[in-house]
Amino acid sequence: MSITGLAVIYIMIWWIVFFAILPMDVNREKPIKIDGEDIGSPENPKILKKFIYCTGITSIIFIIIFLLIKYEYLNLKNLIS
C-alpha cells in the first residue's frame, strides 16, 4: 500500500475516534449564564487532552491495521475485487 493510502486510512480513523471521544468528560453545568450562549455548551471542552488521547488511540489502531495488511491477513485489493 502506498504512503498516500496509509495517510488516508490514518486520517479517517483519527476523525472517527475524535468524534467518538468528543462528548466524553464534559461538564455542562455553568455557574454563570450568558445571554446568547448555548445552554448545552461545555464550560471547558478539554480539546487538547482529547486531541492527545485521540492521536494515541488512532496510532494503536493504525499499527494493528498496518500489520494486518503487511502480513496479508487483511488484503484490501482482494476485498475490492
Protein backbone atom coordinates (compact mmCIF):
# COMPACT_ATOMS: atom_id res chain seq x y z
CA MET A 1 0.00 0.00 0.00
CA SER A 2 1.28 3.47 -0.83
CA ILE A 3 2.09 6.20 1.66
CA THR A 4 -0.89 8.20 0.41
CA GLY A 5 -3.24 5.30 1.07
CA LEU A 6 -1.82 4.81 4.55
CA ALA A 7 -2.20 8.53 5.28
CA VAL A 8 -5.83 8.48 4.16
CA ILE A 9 -6.55 5.46 6.38
CA TYR A 10 -4.89 7.16 9.36
CA ILE A 11 -6.84 10.40 8.87
CA MET A 12 -10.15 8.55 8.52
CA ILE A 13 -9.51 6.55 11.70
CA TRP A 14 -8.43 9.74 13.51
CA TRP A 15 -11.66 11.60 12.71
CA ILE A 16 -13.83 8.63 13.68
CA VAL A 17 -12.04 8.27 17.02
CA PHE A 18 -12.09 12.05 17.60
CA PHE A 19 -15.85 12.31 17.15
CA ALA A 20 -16.32 9.28 19.41
CA ILE A 21 -14.17 10.84 22.18
CA LEU A 22 -15.51 14.39 21.83
CA PRO A 23 -18.58 14.11 24.13
CA MET A 24 -16.67 12.33 26.92
CA ASP A 25 -15.60 14.13 30.13
CA VAL A 26 -17.71 17.23 29.53
CA ASN A 27 -19.28 19.23 32.37
CA ARG A 28 -22.30 21.10 31.04
CA GLU A 29 -23.22 22.87 34.29
CA LYS A 30 -22.24 26.54 34.19
CA PRO A 31 -22.02 28.84 37.21
CA ILE A 32 -22.85 31.95 35.15
CA LYS A 33 -25.37 32.05 32.32
CA ILE A 34 -24.54 34.39 29.45
CA ASP A 35 -27.21 35.64 27.08
CA GLY A 36 -26.76 34.34 23.54
CA GLU A 37 -24.66 31.35 24.60
CA ASP A 38 -25.94 27.81 24.11
CA ILE A 39 -27.09 26.24 27.38
CA GLY A 40 -25.62 22.84 26.49
CA SER A 41 -22.16 24.07 25.51
CA PRO A 42 -19.41 22.95 27.92
CA GLU A 43 -17.50 25.37 30.11
CA ASN A 44 -14.16 23.68 29.32
CA PRO A 45 -14.26 21.17 26.42
CA LYS A 46 -10.67 19.95 27.10
CA ILE A 47 -9.85 19.76 23.40
CA LEU A 48 -6.06 19.39 23.82
CA LYS A 49 -6.50 16.40 26.14
CA LYS A 50 -8.93 14.81 23.68
CA PHE A 51 -6.58 15.53 20.76
CA ILE A 52 -3.73 13.72 22.53
CA TYR A 53 -5.91 10.74 23.52
CA CYS A 54 -7.32 10.56 20.00
CA THR A 55 -3.87 10.54 18.41
CA GLY A 56 -2.68 7.78 20.75
CA ILE A 57 -5.72 5.56 20.21
CA THR A 58 -5.60 6.13 16.46
CA SER A 59 -1.91 5.25 16.33
CA ILE A 60 -2.54 1.93 18.10
CA ILE A 61 -5.46 1.05 15.80
CA PHE A 62 -3.46 2.11 12.73
CA ILE A 63 -0.44 -0.01 13.71
CA ILE A 64 -2.71 -3.05 14.11
CA ILE A 65 -4.33 -2.45 10.71
CA PHE A 66 -0.92 -1.81 9.10
CA LEU A 67 0.48 -5.08 10.44
CA LEU A 68 -2.61 -6.96 9.25
CA ILE A 69 -2.15 -5.50 5.78
CA LYS A 70 1.62 -6.10 5.75
CA TYR A 71 1.34 -9.79 6.68
CA GLU A 72 -1.65 -10.21 4.33
CA TYR A 73 -4.24 -11.11 6.95
CA LEU A 74 -6.23 -8.17 5.63
CA ASN A 75 -5.86 -7.81 1.88
CA LEU A 76 -7.74 -4.73 0.69
CA LYS A 77 -7.14 -5.46 -3.01
CA ASN A 78 -8.97 -8.79 -2.76
CA LEU A 79 -11.83 -7.21 -0.81
CA ILE A 80 -12.43 -4.63 -3.55
CA SER A 81 -12.33 -7.15 -6.43
